[in-house]
Amino acid sequence: MHPMTAWAITIEKPLPYDDGVRLQTALVNARIAGAIPDTVLFLEHTSVITLGVRAQDSHVLLSSADLKQRHIDLYRSSRGGDATWHGPGQLVMYPIIRLGEQEADAHGYLHNLEEIAIRTAGDFGVAAYRRPGLTGAWTRAGKLAAIGIRLKRWVTFHGMSFNVKPDLTGFTTIIPCGLAGEAVTSLAKLLGADCPALAKVREHMARHFSAVCRRELECAGRADHLPEELAKILKLHATATSTNIPR
């Protein structure tokens, strides 16, 4: 039995990154104020390069004109970490949760996200692991999951991206995580025709989030079943939001 609960919200249509930031900001402020419970977003983004607080502009390998031609947005993010790419086929998890007294450790929380990625990969026969001094989940073929987080008054936001079946050429436009020469991989590249659907991966990731972060996930159904303030925020940011998640 998990002592805490959180609401799981799935956004079905790939979401522009700046829309995702606005939604997270509203949720974080509401969580700090105690107006909503812990909430976990599961989504995909439209094609975008994001630069974390440690990223250098030189880690973007294309000009602004070239990025525009390829329909790739560029966004400087408040998350930790360096440069990464997001796009359709990549599962993103953004936990908006208040860390309790026994959880109030940014490194421990990051370790938990890595553990969720490693367990999720393992469910599909992929051996993922940590690398000393680096963040994320790695495989023999390259990096599978990237993590970049931020905490505000011990409420978490940003989170993890997990490559299910994205177009990996998006990563050729950057120096991923600022690590020149490091490969990036996906479940599709590792498993071929056996690659699971993104919804299936999301289901497994949600289950591992519950176990690792010790929060039972309430799967959102109709909007009138959601806590009132959470439903209100989602309605205001409802351009691409669905309130269903696989059970």
C-alpha atoms as a PDB file:
ATOM      1  CA  MET A   1       0.000   0.000   0.000  1.00  0.00           C
ATOM      2  CA  HIS A   2       1.370   3.403  -1.008  1.00  0.00           C
ATOM      3  CA  PRO A   3       0.973   6.120   1.646  1.00  0.00           C
ATOM      4  CA  MET A   4       0.447   8.884  -0.952  1.00  0.00           C
ATOM      5  CA  THR A   5      -1.421   9.337  -4.216  1.00  0.00           C
ATOM      6  CA  ALA A   6      -0.902  11.377  -7.370  1.00  0.00           C
ATOM      7  CA  TRP A   7      -3.035  12.065 -10.429  1.00  0.00           C
ATOM      8  CA  ALA A   8      -1.799  10.793 -13.797  1.00  0.00           C
ATOM      9  CA  ILE A   9      -2.695  12.981 -16.775  1.00  0.00           C
ATOM     10  CA  THR A  10      -2.012  11.903 -20.363  1.00  0.00           C
ATOM     11  CA  ILE A  11      -1.797  14.438 -23.181  1.00  0.00           C
ATOM     12  CA  GLU A  12      -2.370  12.450 -26.352  1.00  0.00           C
ATOM     13  CA  LYS A  13      -1.436  14.941 -29.075  1.00  0.00           C
ATOM     14  CA  PRO A  14       2.221  16.044 -29.319  1.00  0.00           C
ATOM     15  CA  LEU A  15       2.460  19.306 -27.389  1.00  0.00           C
ATOM     16  CA  PRO A  16       4.612  22.330 -28.277  1.00  0.00           C
ATOM     17  CA  TYR A  17       7.285  22.746 -25.631  1.00  0.00           C
ATOM     18  CA  ASP A  18       6.296  26.275 -24.598  1.00  0.00           C
ATOM     19  CA  ASP A  19       2.713  25.091 -24.003  1.00  0.00           C
ATOM     20  CA  GLY A  20       4.114  22.333 -21.807  1.00  0.00           C
ATOM     21  CA  VAL A  21       6.155  24.846 -19.822  1.00  0.00           C
ATOM     22  CA  ARG A  22       3.086  27.042 -19.230  1.00  0.00           C
ATOM     23  CA  LEU A  23       1.078  24.050 -18.062  1.00  0.00           C
ATOM     24  CA  GLN A  24       3.845  22.902 -15.718  1.00  0.00           C
ATOM     25  CA  THR A  25       4.245  26.404 -14.301  1.00  0.00           C
ATOM     26  CA  ALA A  26       0.546  26.614 -13.470  1.00  0.00           C
ATOM     27  CA  LEU A  27       0.606  23.174 -11.860  1.00  0.00           C
ATOM     28  CA  VAL A  28       3.772  23.891  -9.862  1.00  0.00           C
ATOM     29  CA  ASN A  29       2.389  27.136  -8.469  1.00  0.00           C
ATOM     30  CA  ALA A  30      -0.855  25.422  -7.539  1.00  0.00           C
ATOM     31  CA  ARG A  31       0.998  22.529  -5.900  1.00  0.00           C
ATOM     32  CA  ILE A  32       3.160  24.931  -3.858  1.00  0.00           C
ATOM     33  CA  ALA A  33      -0.017  26.658  -2.700  1.00  0.00           C
ATOM     34  CA  GLY A  34      -1.546  23.313  -1.732  1.00  0.00           C
ATOM     35  CA  ALA A  35      -4.393  23.839  -4.205  1.00  0.00           C
ATOM     36  CA  ILE A  36      -3.837  20.584  -6.111  1.00  0.00           C
ATOM     37  CA  PRO A  37      -2.454  17.147  -5.246  1.00  0.00           C
ATOM     38  CA  ASP A  38       0.689  15.626  -6.740  1.00  0.00           C
ATOM     39  CA  THR A  39       0.249  15.305 -10.505  1.00  0.00           C
ATOM     40  CA  VAL A  40       2.209  13.448 -13.184  1.00  0.00           C
ATOM     41  CA  LEU A  41       2.033  14.455 -16.848  1.00  0.00           C
ATOM     42  CA  PHE A  42       2.700  11.904 -19.609  1.00  0.00           C
ATOM     43  CA  LEU A  43       3.076  13.369 -23.089  1.00  0.00           C
ATOM     44  CA  GLU A  44       5.027  13.769 -26.305  1.00  0.00           C
ATOM     45  CA  HIS A  45       6.394  17.048 -27.637  1.00  0.00           C
ATOM     46  CA  THR A  46       6.498  18.425 -31.138  1.00  0.00           C
ATOM     47  CA  SER A  47      10.046  18.620 -32.486  1.00  0.00           C
ATOM     48  CA  VAL A  48      12.142  20.916 -30.288  1.00  0.00           C
ATOM     49  CA  ILE A  49      15.685  21.412 -29.031  1.00  0.00           C
ATOM     50  CA  THR A  50      15.828  22.467 -25.395  1.00  0.00           C
ATOM     51  CA  LEU A  51      18.858  23.933 -23.683  1.00  0.00           C
ATOM     52  CA  GLY A  52      19.178  23.391 -19.939  1.00  0.00           C
ATOM     53  CA  VAL A  53      20.867  25.790 -17.558  1.00  0.00           C
ATOM     54  CA  ARG A  54      24.331  24.321 -18.276  1.00  0.00           C
ATOM     55  CA  ALA A  55      23.980  24.204 -22.053  1.00  0.00           C
ATOM     56  CA  GLN A  56      26.164  26.197 -24.416  1.00  0.00           C
ATOM     57  CA  ASP A  57      24.766  27.649 -27.619  1.00  0.00           C
ATOM     58  CA  SER A  58      27.525  25.816 -29.510  1.00  0.00           C
ATOM     59  CA  HIS A  59      25.844  22.521 -28.611  1.00  0.00           C
ATOM     60  CA  VAL A  60      23.207  23.352 -31.250  1.00  0.00           C
ATOM     61  CA  LEU A  61      24.752  22.327 -34.575  1.00  0.00           C
ATOM     62  CA  LEU A  62      22.320  24.022 -36.975  1.00  0.00           C
ATOM     63  CA  SER A  63      21.620  27.675 -37.669  1.00  0.00           C
ATOM     64  CA  SER A  64      18.296  29.249 -36.764  1.00  0.00           C
ATOM     65  CA  ALA A  65      17.369  29.238 -40.449  1.00  0.00           C
ATOM     66  CA  ASP A  66      18.159  25.536 -40.781  1.00  0.00           C
ATOM     67  CA  LEU A  67      16.140  24.720 -37.664  1.00  0.00           C
ATOM     68  CA  LYS A  68      13.186  26.665 -39.010  1.00  0.00           C
ATOM     69  CA  GLN A  69      13.430  24.848 -42.344  1.00  0.00           C
ATOM     70  CA  ARG A  70      13.324  21.519 -40.515  1.00  0.00           C
ATOM     71  CA  HIS A  71      10.423  22.684 -38.284  1.00  0.00           C
ATOM     72  CA  ILE A  72      12.459  22.292 -35.096  1.00  0.00           C
ATOM     73  CA  ASP A  73      11.821  24.821 -32.333  1.00  0.00           C
ATOM     74  CA  LEU A  74      14.581  26.042 -30.011  1.00  0.00           C
ATOM     75  CA  TYR A  75      13.895  26.760 -26.352  1.00  0.00           C
ATOM     76  CA  ARG A  76      16.110  27.679 -23.417  1.00  0.00           C
ATOM     77  CA  SER A  77      14.700  25.798 -20.458  1.00  0.00           C
ATOM     78  CA  SER A  78      14.914  26.272 -16.705  1.00  0.00           C
ATOM     79  CA  ARG A  79      15.619  22.572 -16.177  1.00  0.00           C
ATOM     80  CA  GLY A  80      18.988  21.212 -15.183  1.00  0.00           C
ATOM     81  CA  GLY A  81      21.266  19.584 -17.708  1.00  0.00           C
ATOM     82  CA  ASP A  82      22.471  20.440 -21.181  1.00  0.00           C
ATOM     83  CA  ALA A  83      21.055  20.147 -24.712  1.00  0.00           C
ATOM     84  CA  THR A  84      18.485  17.581 -25.751  1.00  0.00           C
ATOM     85  CA  TRP A  85      15.882  17.016 -28.440  1.00  0.00           C
ATOM     86  CA  HIS A  86      12.226  16.107 -27.986  1.00  0.00           C
ATOM     87  CA  GLY A  87       9.789  14.926 -30.605  1.00  0.00           C
ATOM     88  CA  PRO A  88       6.953  12.535 -31.432  1.00  0.00           C
ATOM     89  CA  GLY A  89       7.643   8.942 -30.483  1.00  0.00           C
ATOM     90  CA  GLN A  90       9.506   9.981 -27.345  1.00  0.00           C
ATOM     91  CA  LEU A  91       7.658   9.481 -24.053  1.00  0.00           C
ATOM     92  CA  VAL A  92       8.026  12.387 -21.635  1.00  0.00           C
ATOM     93  CA  MET A  93       7.117  12.202 -17.951  1.00  0.00           C
ATOM     94  CA  TYR A  94       6.798  15.395 -15.899  1.00  0.00           C
ATOM     95  CA  PRO A  95       6.102  14.715 -12.197  1.00  0.00           C
ATOM     96  CA  ILE A  96       4.742  17.750 -10.332  1.00  0.00           C
ATOM     97  CA  ILE A  97       5.137  16.369  -6.829  1.00  0.00           C
ATOM     98  CA  ARG A  98       5.992  17.765  -3.427  1.00  0.00           C
ATOM     99  CA  LEU A  99       8.936  15.924  -1.921  1.00  0.00           C
ATOM    100  CA  GLY A 100       8.345  14.997   1.707  1.00  0.00           C
ATOM    101  CA  GLU A 101      10.884  15.373   4.492  1.00  0.00           C
ATOM    102  CA  GLN A 102      12.369  11.948   3.845  1.00  0.00           C
ATOM    103  CA  GLU A 103      12.490  12.655   0.090  1.00  0.00           C
ATOM    104  CA  ALA A 104      13.974  16.171   0.228  1.00  0.00           C
ATOM    105  CA  ASP A 105      17.078  15.313  -1.755  1.00  0.00           C
ATOM    106  CA  ALA A 106      17.438  16.373  -5.390  1.00  0.00           C
ATOM    107  CA  HIS A 107      20.063  13.708  -6.091  1.00  0.00           C
ATOM    108  CA  GLY A 108      17.863  11.021  -4.590  1.00  0.00           C
ATOM    109  CA  TYR A 109      14.926  12.133  -6.704  1.00  0.00           C
ATOM    110  CA  LEU A 110      17.057  12.090  -9.854  1.00  0.00           C
ATOM    111  CA  HIS A 111      18.207   8.584  -8.899  1.00  0.00           C
ATOM    112  CA  ASN A 112      14.541   7.574  -8.643  1.00  0.00           C
ATOM    113  CA  LEU A 113      13.804   8.813 -12.162  1.00  0.00           C
ATOM    114  CA  GLU A 114      16.763   6.829 -13.464  1.00  0.00           C
ATOM    115  CA  GLU A 115      15.433   3.769 -11.666  1.00  0.00           C
ATOM    116  CA  ILE A 116      12.020   4.200 -13.302  1.00  0.00           C
ATOM    117  CA  ALA A 117      13.674   4.355 -16.740  1.00  0.00           C
ATOM    118  CA  ILE A 118      15.853   1.313 -16.042  1.00  0.00           C
ATOM    119  CA  ARG A 119      12.901  -0.765 -14.830  1.00  0.00           C
ATOM    120  CA  THR A 120      10.744   0.313 -17.769  1.00  0.00           C
ATOM    121  CA  ALA A 121      13.437  -0.684 -20.254  1.00  0.00           C
ATOM    122  CA  GLY A 122      13.897  -4.004 -18.471  1.00  0.00           C
ATOM    123  CA  ASP A 123      10.219  -4.843 -18.900  1.00  0.00           C
ATOM    124  CA  PHE A 124      10.861  -5.025 -22.648  1.00  0.00           C
ATOM    125  CA  GLY A 125      14.080  -6.986 -22.463  1.00  0.00           C
ATOM    126  CA  VAL A 126      16.464  -4.024 -22.673  1.00  0.00           C
ATOM    127  CA  ALA A 127      19.304  -3.894 -20.152  1.00  0.00           C
ATOM    128  CA  ALA A 128      19.686  -0.251 -19.106  1.00  0.00           C
ATOM    129  CA  TYR A 129      22.007   1.094 -16.448  1.00  0.00           C
ATOM    130  CA  ARG A 130      23.544   4.201 -14.885  1.00  0.00           C
ATOM    131  CA  ARG A 131      26.962   5.577 -15.763  1.00  0.00           C
ATOM    132  CA  PRO A 132      29.135   7.139 -13.055  1.00  0.00           C
ATOM    133  CA  GLY A 133      29.166  10.907 -13.247  1.00  0.00           C
ATOM    134  CA  LEU A 134      26.385  11.053 -15.858  1.00  0.00           C
ATOM    135  CA  THR A 135      22.610  11.228 -15.613  1.00  0.00           C
ATOM    136  CA  GLY A 136      19.992   9.201 -17.430  1.00  0.00           C
ATOM    137  CA  ALA A 137      19.581   5.584 -18.466  1.00  0.00           C
ATOM    138  CA  TRP A 138      22.149   4.045 -20.806  1.00  0.00           C
ATOM    139  CA  THR A 139      22.382   0.887 -22.904  1.00  0.00           C
ATOM    140  CA  ARG A 140      25.129  -0.847 -24.870  1.00  0.00           C
ATOM    141  CA  ALA A 141      23.897   1.101 -27.932  1.00  0.00           C
ATOM    142  CA  GLY A 142      23.723   4.544 -26.323  1.00  0.00           C
ATOM    143  CA  LYS A 143      21.566   6.737 -24.138  1.00  0.00           C
ATOM    144  CA  LEU A 144      17.933   5.691 -23.895  1.00  0.00           C
ATOM    145  CA  ALA A 145      16.504   8.180 -21.371  1.00  0.00           C
ATOM    146  CA  ALA A 146      17.505  11.738 -20.504  1.00  0.00           C
ATOM    147  CA  ILE A 147      16.705  13.512 -17.257  1.00  0.00           C
ATOM    148  CA  GLY A 148      16.599  17.190 -16.402  1.00  0.00           C
ATOM    149  CA  ILE A 149      14.813  18.456 -13.301  1.00  0.00           C
ATOM    150  CA  ARG A 150      14.159  21.548 -11.262  1.00  0.00           C
ATOM    151  CA  LEU A 151      12.744  22.012  -7.774  1.00  0.00           C
ATOM    152  CA  LYS A 152      10.836  25.017  -6.466  1.00  0.00           C
ATOM    153  CA  ARG A 153      10.063  24.944  -2.744  1.00  0.00           C
ATOM    154  CA  TRP A 154      10.572  21.171  -2.947  1.00  0.00           C
ATOM    155  CA  VAL A 155       7.999  20.765  -5.702  1.00  0.00           C
ATOM    156  CA  THR A 156       9.483  19.015  -8.731  1.00  0.00           C
ATOM    157  CA  PHE A 157       9.009  19.838 -12.372  1.00  0.00           C
ATOM    158  CA  HIS A 158      10.500  18.974 -15.749  1.00  0.00           C
ATOM    159  CA  GLY A 159      11.536  15.310 -15.606  1.00  0.00           C
ATOM    160  CA  MET A 160      12.441  12.530 -18.013  1.00  0.00           C
ATOM    161  CA  SER A 161      12.311  11.743 -21.722  1.00  0.00           C
ATOM    162  CA  PHE A 162      12.410   8.095 -22.830  1.00  0.00           C
ATOM    163  CA  ASN A 163      13.035   7.182 -26.457  1.00  0.00           C
ATOM    164  CA  VAL A 164      10.434   4.700 -27.628  1.00  0.00           C
ATOM    165  CA  LYS A 165      10.345   5.193 -31.399  1.00  0.00           C
ATOM    166  CA  PRO A 166      11.278   8.789 -32.244  1.00  0.00           C
ATOM    167  CA  ASP A 167      13.122   9.915 -35.360  1.00  0.00           C
ATOM    168  CA  LEU A 168      16.626   9.792 -33.905  1.00  0.00           C
ATOM    169  CA  THR A 169      17.969  12.148 -36.560  1.00  0.00           C
ATOM    170  CA  GLY A 170      16.659  14.916 -34.309  1.00  0.00           C
ATOM    171  CA  PHE A 171      19.626  14.240 -32.038  1.00  0.00           C
ATOM    172  CA  THR A 172      22.066  14.870 -34.894  1.00  0.00           C
ATOM    173  CA  THR A 173      21.172  18.568 -34.681  1.00  0.00           C
ATOM    174  CA  ILE A 174      22.813  18.877 -31.244  1.00  0.00           C
ATOM    175  CA  ILE A 175      25.605  17.565 -29.067  1.00  0.00           C
ATOM    176  CA  PRO A 176      23.292  15.517 -26.836  1.00  0.00           C
ATOM    177  CA  CYS A 177      23.726  16.422 -23.175  1.00  0.00           C
ATOM    178  CA  GLY A 178      26.938  18.189 -24.200  1.00  0.00           C
ATOM    179  CA  LEU A 179      28.665  14.814 -24.617  1.00  0.00           C
ATOM    180  CA  ALA A 180      30.376  14.744 -28.007  1.00  0.00           C
ATOM    181  CA  GLY A 181      30.575  11.315 -29.586  1.00  0.00           C
ATOM    182  CA  GLU A 182      27.981   9.664 -27.353  1.00  0.00           C
ATOM    183  CA  ALA A 183      25.259   7.714 -29.166  1.00  0.00           C
ATOM    184  CA  VAL A 184      21.537   8.015 -28.546  1.00  0.00           C
ATOM    185  CA  THR A 185      19.254   5.029 -29.003  1.00  0.00           C
ATOM    186  CA  SER A 186      15.601   4.001 -28.712  1.00  0.00           C
ATOM    187  CA  LEU A 187      13.514   0.932 -28.027  1.00  0.00           C
ATOM    188  CA  ALA A 188      12.683   0.798 -31.744  1.00  0.00           C
ATOM    189  CA  LYS A 189      16.355   0.743 -32.691  1.00  0.00           C
ATOM    190  CA  LEU A 190      17.138  -1.913 -30.088  1.00  0.00           C
ATOM    191  CA  LEU A 191      14.078  -4.113 -30.576  1.00  0.00           C
ATOM    192  CA  GLY A 192      13.061  -3.578 -34.190  1.00  0.00           C
ATOM    193  CA  ALA A 193       9.666  -5.105 -34.945  1.00  0.00           C
ATOM    194  CA  ASP A 194       9.302  -6.087 -31.283  1.00  0.00           C
ATOM    195  CA  CYS A 195       9.220  -2.450 -30.147  1.00  0.00           C
ATOM    196  CA  PRO A 196       6.115  -1.890 -27.992  1.00  0.00           C
ATOM    197  CA  ALA A 197       3.579   0.851 -28.633  1.00  0.00           C
ATOM    198  CA  LEU A 198       4.231   4.100 -26.765  1.00  0.00           C
ATOM    199  CA  ALA A 199       1.000   3.649 -24.805  1.00  0.00           C
ATOM    200  CA  LYS A 200       2.260   0.290 -23.534  1.00  0.00           C
ATOM    201  CA  VAL A 201       5.551   1.831 -22.430  1.00  0.00           C
ATOM    202  CA  ARG A 202       3.618   4.598 -20.698  1.00  0.00           C
ATOM    203  CA  GLU A 203       1.578   2.034 -18.794  1.00  0.00           C
ATOM    204  CA  HIS A 204       4.730   0.335 -17.516  1.00  0.00           C
ATOM    205  CA  MET A 205       6.407   3.640 -16.668  1.00  0.00           C
ATOM    206  CA  ALA A 206       3.374   4.741 -14.655  1.00  0.00           C
ATOM    207  CA  ARG A 207       3.462   1.516 -12.673  1.00  0.00           C
ATOM    208  CA  HIS A 208       7.166   1.914 -11.909  1.00  0.00           C
ATOM    209  CA  PHE A 209       6.654   5.541 -10.911  1.00  0.00           C
ATOM    210  CA  SER A 210       4.121   4.358  -8.325  1.00  0.00           C
ATOM    211  CA  ALA A 211       6.531   1.771  -6.918  1.00  0.00           C
ATOM    212  CA  VAL A 212       9.686   3.901  -6.906  1.00  0.00           C
ATOM    213  CA  CYS A 213       8.172   7.219  -5.814  1.00  0.00           C
ATOM    214  CA  ARG A 214       5.707   5.529  -3.447  1.00  0.00           C
ATOM    215  CA  ARG A 215       2.619   7.246  -4.822  1.00  0.00           C
ATOM    216  CA  GLU A 216      -0.423   5.386  -6.032  1.00  0.00           C
ATOM    217  CA  LEU A 217      -1.426   6.880  -9.380  1.00  0.00           C
ATOM    218  CA  GLU A 218      -5.055   7.853  -9.813  1.00  0.00           C
ATOM    219  CA  CYS A 219      -5.805   7.552 -13.531  1.00  0.00           C
ATOM    220  CA  ALA A 220      -7.788  10.576 -14.601  1.00  0.00           C
ATOM    221  CA  GLY A 221     -11.103   9.913 -16.311  1.00  0.00           C
ATOM    222  CA  ARG A 222     -13.798  12.506 -16.944  1.00  0.00           C
ATOM    223  CA  ALA A 223     -12.882  16.050 -15.957  1.00  0.00           C
ATOM    224  CA  ASP A 224     -15.612  16.107 -13.303  1.00  0.00           C
ATOM    225  CA  HIS A 225     -13.786  13.309 -11.466  1.00  0.00           C
ATOM    226  CA  LEU A 226     -10.645  15.399 -11.057  1.00  0.00           C
ATOM    227  CA  PRO A 227      -9.952  17.614  -8.052  1.00  0.00           C
ATOM    228  CA  GLU A 228     -11.624  20.941  -8.815  1.00  0.00           C
ATOM    229  CA  GLU A 229      -8.542  23.161  -9.092  1.00  0.00           C
ATOM    230  CA  LEU A 230      -6.646  20.579 -11.141  1.00  0.00           C
ATOM    231  CA  ALA A 231      -9.571  20.294 -13.561  1.00  0.00           C
ATOM    232  CA  LYS A 232      -9.667  24.084 -13.835  1.00  0.00           C
ATOM    233  CA  ILE A 233      -5.959  24.323 -14.720  1.00  0.00           C
ATOM    234  CA  LEU A 234      -6.231  21.554 -17.301  1.00  0.00           C
ATOM    235  CA  LYS A 235      -9.252  23.220 -18.877  1.00  0.00           C
ATOM    236  CA  LEU A 236      -7.307  26.464 -19.254  1.00  0.00           C
ATOM    237  CA  HIS A 237      -4.452  24.574 -20.942  1.00  0.00           C
ATOM    238  CA  ALA A 238      -6.620  22.102 -22.845  1.00  0.00           C
ATOM    239  CA  THR A 239      -5.346  22.610 -26.389  1.00  0.00           C
ATOM    240  CA  ALA A 240      -4.108  19.002 -26.587  1.00  0.00           C
ATOM    241  CA  THR A 241      -5.080  17.385 -23.330  1.00  0.00           C
ATOM    242  CA  SER A 242      -6.764  14.011 -22.868  1.00  0.00           C
ATOM    243  CA  THR A 243      -7.605  12.799 -19.390  1.00  0.00           C
ATOM    244  CA  ASN A 244      -7.133   9.109 -20.074  1.00  0.00           C
ATOM    245  CA  ILE A 245      -4.184   6.938 -19.194  1.00  0.00           C
ATOM    246  CA  PRO A 246      -3.850   3.175 -19.651  1.00  0.00           C
ATOM    247  CA  ARG A 247      -4.631   1.331 -16.432  1.00  0.00           C
END
